[in-house]
Every structure is written in C-alpha cells, then in structure tokens.
C-alpha atoms as a PDB file:
ATOM      1  CA  MET A   1     -11.556  30.128   6.401  1.00  0.00           C
ATOM      2  CA  GLU A   2     -14.189  27.890   7.955  1.00  0.00           C
ATOM      3  CA  SER A   3     -14.354  28.226  11.711  1.00  0.00           C
ATOM      4  CA  GLY A   4     -12.706  25.539  13.795  1.00  0.00           C
ATOM      5  CA  GLN A   5     -10.900  23.826  10.924  1.00  0.00           C
ATOM      6  CA  PRO A   6      -7.092  23.879  10.692  1.00  0.00           C
ATOM      7  CA  ALA A   7      -5.401  25.343   7.649  1.00  0.00           C
ATOM      8  CA  LEU A   8      -3.735  23.070   5.119  1.00  0.00           C
ATOM      9  CA  GLY A   9       0.064  22.783   5.058  1.00  0.00           C
ATOM     10  CA  GLY A  10       2.824  24.719   6.769  1.00  0.00           C
ATOM     11  CA  THR A  11       3.742  22.166   9.451  1.00  0.00           C
ATOM     12  CA  TRP A  12       7.024  20.927   8.046  1.00  0.00           C
ATOM     13  CA  ILE A  13       8.206  19.462  11.333  1.00  0.00           C
ATOM     14  CA  ILE A  14       5.288  16.988  11.184  1.00  0.00           C
ATOM     15  CA  THR A  15       6.233  16.241   7.566  1.00  0.00           C
ATOM     16  CA  ILE A  16       9.777  15.341   8.609  1.00  0.00           C
ATOM     17  CA  ILE A  17       8.616  13.205  11.538  1.00  0.00           C
ATOM     18  CA  MET A  18       6.080  11.291   9.440  1.00  0.00           C
ATOM     19  CA  VAL A  19       8.557  10.668   6.609  1.00  0.00           C
ATOM     20  CA  ILE A  20      11.151   9.323   9.059  1.00  0.00           C
ATOM     21  CA  VAL A  21       8.711   7.128  11.003  1.00  0.00           C
ATOM     22  CA  VAL A  22       6.921   5.642   7.981  1.00  0.00           C
ATOM     23  CA  SER A  23      10.193   5.120   6.092  1.00  0.00           C
ATOM     24  CA  TRP A  24      11.660   3.294   9.091  1.00  0.00           C
ATOM     25  CA  ILE A  25       8.619   0.998   9.336  1.00  0.00           C
ATOM     26  CA  VAL A  26       8.785   0.151   5.627  1.00  0.00           C
ATOM     27  CA  PHE A  27      12.560  -0.387   5.727  1.00  0.00           C
ATOM     28  CA  LYS A  28      12.289  -2.643   8.792  1.00  0.00           C
ATOM     29  CA  TYR A  29      10.029  -5.127   7.033  1.00  0.00           C
ATOM     30  CA  ILE A  30      11.168  -4.726   3.414  1.00  0.00           C
ATOM     31  CA  VAL A  31      14.950  -4.722   3.631  1.00  0.00           C
ATOM     32  CA  PRO A  32      16.513  -4.119   0.189  1.00  0.00           C
ATOM     33  CA  LYS A  33      19.254  -6.628  -0.649  1.00  0.00           C
ATOM     34  CA  ASN A  34      20.310  -5.659  -4.184  1.00  0.00           C
ATOM     35  CA  PHE A  35      20.191  -2.810  -6.684  1.00  0.00           C
ATOM     36  CA  LYS A  36      16.680  -3.519  -7.992  1.00  0.00           C
ATOM     37  CA  GLU A  37      15.271  -3.817  -4.489  1.00  0.00           C
ATOM     38  CA  TRP A  38      16.938  -0.543  -3.502  1.00  0.00           C
ATOM     39  CA  ARG A  39      15.561   1.075  -6.662  1.00  0.00           C
ATOM     40  CA  ASN A  40      12.040  -0.069  -5.834  1.00  0.00           C
ATOM     41  CA  PHE A  41      12.450   1.030  -2.236  1.00  0.00           C
ATOM     42  CA  GLY A  42      13.486   4.425  -3.610  1.00  0.00           C
ATOM     43  CA  LEU A  43      10.137   4.636  -5.417  1.00  0.00           C
ATOM     44  CA  ILE A  44       8.308   3.918  -2.171  1.00  0.00           C
ATOM     45  CA  GLN A  45      10.470   6.519  -0.436  1.00  0.00           C
ATOM     46  CA  ALA A  46       9.555   9.069  -3.108  1.00  0.00           C
ATOM     47  CA  PHE A  47       5.861   8.208  -2.608  1.00  0.00           C
ATOM     48  CA  ILE A  48       6.166   8.705   1.159  1.00  0.00           C
ATOM     49  CA  ILE A  49       7.922  12.055   0.794  1.00  0.00           C
ATOM     50  CA  ALA A  50       5.460  13.300  -1.841  1.00  0.00           C
ATOM     51  CA  LEU A  51       2.492  12.220   0.285  1.00  0.00           C
ATOM     52  CA  TYR A  52       3.497  13.812   3.578  1.00  0.00           C
ATOM     53  CA  ALA A  53       5.069  16.884   1.983  1.00  0.00           C
ATOM     54  CA  GLU A  54       1.618  17.762   0.640  1.00  0.00           C
ATOM     55  CA  MET A  55      -0.340  16.509   3.633  1.00  0.00           C
ATOM     56  CA  TYR A  56       1.552  18.630   6.166  1.00  0.00           C
ATOM     57  CA  GLY A  57       3.926  20.850   4.166  1.00  0.00           C
ATOM     58  CA  PHE A  58       2.808  22.553   0.961  1.00  0.00           C
ATOM     59  CA  PRO A  59      -0.398  21.354  -0.800  1.00  0.00           C
ATOM     60  CA  LEU A  60       0.994  21.417  -4.332  1.00  0.00           C
ATOM     61  CA  THR A  61      -1.905  19.504  -5.895  1.00  0.00           C
ATOM     62  CA  ILE A  62      -4.567  21.808  -4.455  1.00  0.00           C
ATOM     63  CA  TYR A  63      -2.459  24.815  -5.465  1.00  0.00           C
ATOM     64  CA  LEU A  64      -2.331  23.581  -9.073  1.00  0.00           C
ATOM     65  CA  LEU A  65      -6.033  22.704  -9.150  1.00  0.00           C
ATOM     66  CA  THR A  66      -7.110  26.084  -7.777  1.00  0.00           C
ATOM     67  CA  SER A  67      -4.568  28.279  -9.579  1.00  0.00           C
ATOM     68  CA  PHE A  68      -4.601  26.751 -13.058  1.00  0.00           C
ATOM     69  CA  LEU A  69      -7.718  24.587 -13.413  1.00  0.00           C
ATOM     70  CA  GLY A  70     -10.255  26.812 -11.699  1.00  0.00           C
ATOM     71  CA  PHE A  71     -11.308  24.517  -8.854  1.00  0.00           C
ATOM     72  CA  ASP A  72     -12.616  26.203  -5.717  1.00  0.00           C
ATOM     73  CA  ILE A  73     -10.996  24.227  -2.900  1.00  0.00           C
ATOM     74  CA  PRO A  74     -10.385  26.018   0.433  1.00  0.00           C
ATOM     75  CA  TRP A  75      -6.935  25.568   1.923  1.00  0.00           C
ATOM     76  CA  LEU A  76      -8.205  23.572   4.882  1.00  0.00           C
ATOM     77  CA  HIS A  77      -6.752  20.299   6.075  1.00  0.00           C
ATOM     78  CA  VAL A  78     -10.039  18.429   5.661  1.00  0.00           C
ATOM     79  CA  LYS A  79     -10.116  19.454   1.992  1.00  0.00           C
ATOM     80  CA  GLY A  80      -6.968  17.422   1.406  1.00  0.00           C
ATOM     81  CA  HIS A  81      -9.272  14.405   1.224  1.00  0.00           C
ATOM     82  CA  LEU A  82      -9.422  15.379  -2.391  1.00  0.00           C
ATOM     83  CA  TRP A  83     -12.020  13.016  -3.852  1.00  0.00           C
ATOM     84  CA  ALA A  84     -14.696  14.428  -1.552  1.00  0.00           C
ATOM     85  CA  SER A  85     -13.546  17.980  -2.324  1.00  0.00           C
ATOM     86  CA  LEU A  86     -13.512  17.502  -6.101  1.00  0.00           C
ATOM     87  CA  PHE A  87     -16.939  15.865  -6.264  1.00  0.00           C
ATOM     88  CA  GLY A  88     -18.562  18.113  -3.658  1.00  0.00           C
ATOM     89  CA  TRP A  89     -19.395  15.303  -1.266  1.00  0.00           C
ATOM     90  CA  GLY A  90     -18.863  17.378   1.879  1.00  0.00           C
ATOM     91  CA  ASP A  91     -16.726  16.966   4.980  1.00  0.00           C
ATOM     92  CA  GLY A  92     -18.685  13.930   6.164  1.00  0.00           C
ATOM     93  CA  MET A  93     -17.707  11.957   3.090  1.00  0.00           C
ATOM     94  CA  ALA A  94     -14.148  13.218   3.513  1.00  0.00           C
ATOM     95  CA  MET A  95     -14.071  11.363   6.828  1.00  0.00           C
ATOM     96  CA  VAL A  96     -15.485   8.257   5.138  1.00  0.00           C
ATOM     97  CA  GLU A  97     -12.754   8.609   2.529  1.00  0.00           C
ATOM     98  CA  MET A  98     -10.150   8.720   5.293  1.00  0.00           C
ATOM     99  CA  ILE A  99     -11.566   5.667   7.098  1.00  0.00           C
ATOM    100  CA  VAL A 100     -11.765   3.564   3.927  1.00  0.00           C
ATOM    101  CA  GLY A 101      -8.283   4.648   2.896  1.00  0.00           C
ATOM    102  CA  TYR A 102      -6.749   3.778   6.245  1.00  0.00           C
ATOM    103  CA  ALA A 103      -8.526   0.405   6.225  1.00  0.00           C
ATOM    104  CA  PHE A 104      -6.564  -0.455   3.081  1.00  0.00           C
ATOM    105  CA  VAL A 105      -3.374   0.987   4.600  1.00  0.00           C
ATOM    106  CA  PHE A 106      -3.599  -1.073   7.792  1.00  0.00           C
ATOM    107  CA  LEU A 107      -4.534  -4.213   5.855  1.00  0.00           C
ATOM    108  CA  GLY A 108      -1.496  -3.660   3.644  1.00  0.00           C
ATOM    109  CA  ILE A 109       0.801  -3.124   6.623  1.00  0.00           C
ATOM    110  CA  SER A 110      -0.493  -6.285   8.301  1.00  0.00           C
ATOM    111  CA  LEU A 111       0.300  -8.317   5.164  1.00  0.00           C
ATOM    112  CA  ILE A 112       3.799  -6.841   4.988  1.00  0.00           C
ATOM    113  CA  VAL A 113       4.505  -7.679   8.633  1.00  0.00           C
ATOM    114  CA  ARG A 114       2.981 -11.178   8.525  1.00  0.00           C
ATOM    115  CA  GLY A 115       4.830 -12.006   5.327  1.00  0.00           C
ATOM    116  CA  TRP A 116       8.125 -10.833   6.805  1.00  0.00           C
ATOM    117  CA  LYS A 117       7.631 -12.921   9.964  1.00  0.00           C
ATOM    118  CA  GLN A 118       6.957 -16.101   7.997  1.00  0.00           C
ATOM    119  CA  VAL A 119       9.946 -15.617   5.707  1.00  0.00           C
ATOM    120  CA  TYR A 120      12.164 -14.846   8.711  1.00  0.00           C
ATOM    121  CA  GLU A 121      11.158 -18.093  10.423  1.00  0.00           C
ATOM    122  CA  ALA A 122      11.538 -20.125   7.211  1.00  0.00           C
ATOM    123  CA  GLN A 123      15.069 -18.843   6.645  1.00  0.00           C
ATOM    124  CA  LYS A 124      16.165 -20.619   9.818  1.00  0.00           C
ATOM    125  CA  THR A 125      15.437 -23.999   8.213  1.00  0.00           C
ATOM    126  CA  ASP A 126      15.973 -23.035   4.553  1.00  0.00           C
ATOM    127  CA  ARG A 127      12.532 -24.157   3.405  1.00  0.00           C
ATOM    128  CA  LEU A 128       9.864 -22.907   1.008  1.00  0.00           C
ATOM    129  CA  VAL A 129       7.054 -21.022   2.749  1.00  0.00           C
ATOM    130  CA  THR A 130       3.651 -22.233   1.547  1.00  0.00           C
ATOM    131  CA  GLU A 131       1.497 -21.997   4.674  1.00  0.00           C
ATOM    132  CA  GLY A 132      -0.197 -19.113   6.466  1.00  0.00           C
ATOM    133  CA  ILE A 133      -0.591 -15.975   4.386  1.00  0.00           C
ATOM    134  CA  TYR A 134       1.564 -17.611   1.688  1.00  0.00           C
ATOM    135  CA  SER A 135      -1.175 -20.180   1.117  1.00  0.00           C
ATOM    136  CA  TYR A 136      -3.320 -17.361  -0.307  1.00  0.00           C
ATOM    137  CA  VAL A 137      -0.793 -15.356  -2.350  1.00  0.00           C
ATOM    138  CA  ARG A 138       2.820 -15.899  -3.382  1.00  0.00           C
ATOM    139  CA  HIS A 139       3.973 -12.329  -2.658  1.00  0.00           C
ATOM    140  CA  PRO A 140       1.975 -11.056   0.331  1.00  0.00           C
ATOM    141  CA  GLN A 141       4.455  -8.294   1.140  1.00  0.00           C
ATOM    142  CA  TYR A 142       4.124  -6.813  -2.330  1.00  0.00           C
ATOM    143  CA  THR A 143       0.352  -7.180  -2.101  1.00  0.00           C
ATOM    144  CA  GLY A 144       0.640  -5.255   1.152  1.00  0.00           C
ATOM    145  CA  ILE A 145       2.585  -2.493  -0.582  1.00  0.00           C
ATOM    146  CA  TYR A 146      -0.061  -2.226  -3.288  1.00  0.00           C
ATOM    147  CA  LEU A 147      -2.912  -2.080  -0.771  1.00  0.00           C
ATOM    148  CA  ALA A 148      -1.193   0.442   1.505  1.00  0.00           C
ATOM    149  CA  ILE A 149      -0.389   2.768  -1.384  1.00  0.00           C
ATOM    150  CA  PHE A 150      -3.881   2.367  -2.843  1.00  0.00           C
ATOM    151  CA  GLY A 151      -5.320   3.248   0.560  1.00  0.00           C
ATOM    152  CA  GLN A 152      -3.295   6.433   0.686  1.00  0.00           C
ATOM    153  CA  LEU A 153      -4.568   7.356  -2.778  1.00  0.00           C
ATOM    154  CA  ILE A 154      -8.116   7.009  -1.457  1.00  0.00           C
ATOM    155  CA  HIS A 155      -7.311   8.905   1.717  1.00  0.00           C
ATOM    156  CA  TRP A 156      -5.067  11.694   0.396  1.00  0.00           C
ATOM    157  CA  PRO A 157      -4.510  11.672  -3.385  1.00  0.00           C
ATOM    158  CA  THR A 158      -1.919  13.974  -4.926  1.00  0.00           C
ATOM    159  CA  ILE A 159      -0.632  14.387  -8.458  1.00  0.00           C
ATOM    160  CA  PRO A 160       2.879  13.018  -7.648  1.00  0.00           C
ATOM    161  CA  THR A 161       1.537   9.964  -5.791  1.00  0.00           C
ATOM    162  CA  LEU A 162      -0.992   9.204  -8.533  1.00  0.00           C
ATOM    163  CA  VAL A 163       1.883   9.248 -11.028  1.00  0.00           C
ATOM    164  CA  LEU A 164       4.099   7.074  -8.815  1.00  0.00           C
ATOM    165  CA  PHE A 165       1.464   4.415  -8.100  1.00  0.00           C
ATOM    166  CA  PRO A 166       1.501   2.626 -11.498  1.00  0.00           C
ATOM    167  CA  VAL A 167       5.299   2.899 -11.600  1.00  0.00           C
ATOM    168  CA  ILE A 168       5.543   1.139  -8.229  1.00  0.00           C
ATOM    169  CA  VAL A 169       3.055  -1.538  -9.314  1.00  0.00           C
ATOM    170  CA  VAL A 170       5.059  -2.335 -12.464  1.00  0.00           C
ATOM    171  CA  ALA A 171       8.392  -2.230 -10.617  1.00  0.00           C
ATOM    172  CA  TYR A 172       7.305  -4.721  -7.954  1.00  0.00           C
ATOM    173  CA  TYR A 173       5.630  -6.963 -10.512  1.00  0.00           C
ATOM    174  CA  ALA A 174       8.940  -7.141 -12.399  1.00  0.00           C
ATOM    175  CA  LEU A 175      10.819  -7.789  -9.150  1.00  0.00           C
ATOM    176  CA  ALA A 176       8.398 -10.570  -8.198  1.00  0.00           C
ATOM    177  CA  ARG A 177       8.920 -12.248 -11.581  1.00  0.00           C
ATOM    178  CA  LYS A 178      12.674 -12.097 -11.115  1.00  0.00           C
ATOM    179  CA  GLU A 179      12.421 -13.535  -7.607  1.00  0.00           C
ATOM    180  CA  GLU A 180      10.271 -16.398  -8.867  1.00  0.00           C
ATOM    181  CA  LYS A 181      12.989 -17.430 -11.314  1.00  0.00           C
ATOM    182  CA  VAL A 182      15.379 -17.593  -8.372  1.00  0.00           C
ATOM    183  CA  MET A 183      12.880 -19.669  -6.384  1.00  0.00           C
ATOM    184  CA  ILE A 184      12.433 -22.113  -9.278  1.00  0.00           C
ATOM    185  CA  ASN A 185      16.200 -22.553  -9.522  1.00  0.00           C
ATOM    186  CA  ARG A 186      16.334 -23.109  -5.774  1.00  0.00           C
ATOM    187  CA  PHE A 187      13.279 -25.300  -5.119  1.00  0.00           C
ATOM    188  CA  GLY A 188      12.492 -26.677  -8.581  1.00  0.00           C
ATOM    189  CA  ASP A 189       9.199 -28.546  -9.019  1.00  0.00           C
ATOM    190  CA  GLU A 190       8.158 -27.784  -5.446  1.00  0.00           C
ATOM    191  CA  TYR A 191       7.896 -24.097  -6.306  1.00  0.00           C
ATOM    192  CA  ARG A 192       6.352 -24.748  -9.735  1.00  0.00           C
ATOM    193  CA  THR A 193       3.561 -26.774  -8.111  1.00  0.00           C
ATOM    194  CA  TYR A 194       3.071 -24.078  -5.486  1.00  0.00           C
ATOM    195  CA  ALA A 195       2.903 -21.339  -8.156  1.00  0.00           C
ATOM    196  CA  GLU A 196       0.288 -23.279 -10.119  1.00  0.00           C
ATOM    197  CA  LYS A 197      -2.009 -23.448  -7.098  1.00  0.00           C
ATOM    198  CA  VAL A 198      -1.493 -20.053  -5.445  1.00  0.00           C
ATOM    199  CA  PRO A 199      -2.097 -16.656  -7.136  1.00  0.00           C
ATOM    200  CA  MET A 200       0.674 -14.099  -7.385  1.00  0.00           C
ATOM    201  CA  PHE A 201      -0.748 -11.073  -5.571  1.00  0.00           C
ATOM    202  CA  PHE A 202      -4.473 -11.400  -4.923  1.00  0.00           C
ATOM    203  CA  PRO A 203      -6.185 -14.487  -3.466  1.00  0.00           C
ATOM    204  CA  LYS A 204      -8.956 -16.450  -5.119  1.00  0.00           C
ATOM    205  CA  TRP A 205     -12.409 -15.246  -4.119  1.00  0.00           C
ATOM    206  CA  GLU A 206     -13.470 -18.626  -2.728  1.00  0.00           C
ATOM    207  CA  GLU A 207     -10.477 -18.762  -0.383  1.00  0.00           C
ATOM    208  CA  THR A 208     -10.921 -15.132   0.650  1.00  0.00           C
ATOM    209  CA  ARG A 209     -14.596 -15.718   1.466  1.00  0.00           C
ATOM    210  CA  GLU A 210     -13.729 -18.842   3.447  1.00  0.00           C
ATOM    211  CA  ALA A 211     -11.024 -17.002   5.412  1.00  0.00           C
ATOM    212  CA  LEU A 212     -13.390 -14.132   6.242  1.00  0.00           C
ATOM    213  CA  PHE A 213     -16.685 -15.936   6.795  1.00  0.00           C
ATOM    214  CA  GLY A 214     -15.826 -19.614   7.148  1.00  0.00           C
ATOM    215  CA  LYS A 215     -17.041 -22.467   4.988  1.00  0.00           C
ATOM    216  CA  ASP A 216     -20.556 -22.384   3.615  1.00  0.00           C
ATOM    217  CA  GLU A 217     -23.032 -24.576   5.503  1.00  0.00           C
ATOM    218  CA  LYS A 218     -23.765 -26.571   2.343  1.00  0.00           C
ATOM    219  CA  GLU A 219     -20.054 -27.304   1.945  1.00  0.00           C
ATOM    220  CA  ASN A 220     -19.796 -28.376   5.590  1.00  0.00           C
ATOM    221  CA  SER A 221     -22.757 -30.743   5.242  1.00  0.00           C
ATOM    222  CA  ALA A 222     -21.442 -32.270   2.023  1.00  0.00           C
END
C-alpha cells in the first residue's frame, strides 16, 4: 500500500450517510407524483446506492477488473477515480478527474434547484414557465439529472452506474415526452410555440455563449 493514502472501501457507515443525504436532496427537488415518476426516481436511487456502495463500501468494479481482467489497480481510495487508473494518468490526473466530475455534478444540482424554484412559484398562479432557466431548455431539472450523473461517471465510474446511465437517460426522455403531451393539452398553442423555440434538454450554443460571456461586441454595435 502506498504510504499516506487511505485504503479503498470498508467504511459502510459513510456509505449509509451519503446514500441518505443525497437521496433526500434529490427527493426534495424531484418529488415523484405518479408511478412512472416513482419508477424513474427508483433508477436514480439505484444509481446513488451503487455509486456510494463502491466509493465507500466494497469496490466491486475494481475487484472485477483486477481479479478477472488482469488490471493492476491498488486498492487505494484515489484509484477509485478509475479513468486515471485505467489509462495510467497518475494521481494528479485523478484529482483533475474529480474536479471536472464535480463541476458537472454541481452544475446539474443547480439546474435541478433553479428549475424546482421556478415551477413552485408558477404553480401559485397556474401559468406556463418560459422565463429564467426555462428560456434555455424546456426540462432543466432533467438536464440537471443528466449532468449530475454524467459528472459522477467522470469522477467515480463503476460498472453498475455505467449500465444505469443510459437507462436513466431513456427513462427521463420518455417521461419528458409524456409531460409535454400534458402541457399541450393544458396550455395549447402557447406551449407549442414555446416548444418550437426552446430546446428540450440542452440550450442552443448561441444562447449559452451569450449567457456565459455576454453579447459579442459586433452584435452590440449592430
């Protein structure tokens, strides 16, 4: 074992705490209201459990890679940043992997929270939300889920979470399509016009650039 580096796995109490805390945060801002929403939430719950069970409990993916596929990966916590371990990038790149991954995670969480706040306020007046984050994408909370999960796959990939990721993507895409039918029945042409202008999950590059860097000087002078 490399000096000064903690071993991988074995801290199940941290696993339990992390699963409870993260699950509570997700449930608070994505409250399931019907069977399909509960089913999709169950997929996210499975992702959370699989992630933290390997991060702090038993490193199943590293066990399989070392025992059956011949990889030489020390059972150290830093080696759980698996992309760096698999490609031999070193512990420094493992930290970069963690930082990039968490950047996606926190961006995803911010979209989930901001989307929830706007919908909560709109429900008081029973109106269609088209401003704020909803002026960039029609389903910012689901975009947030995608980004947060993708970030965890950069930060701490495991076999179960890699399998669950495309399942979650498809499940929430199907749910979004179903919700849009409900919105069309409820708001009619107002929602159709909105859907024609605003992308489903990921904003147009021009609008993203403008939000991040402001309008181009040439555009301002025009």
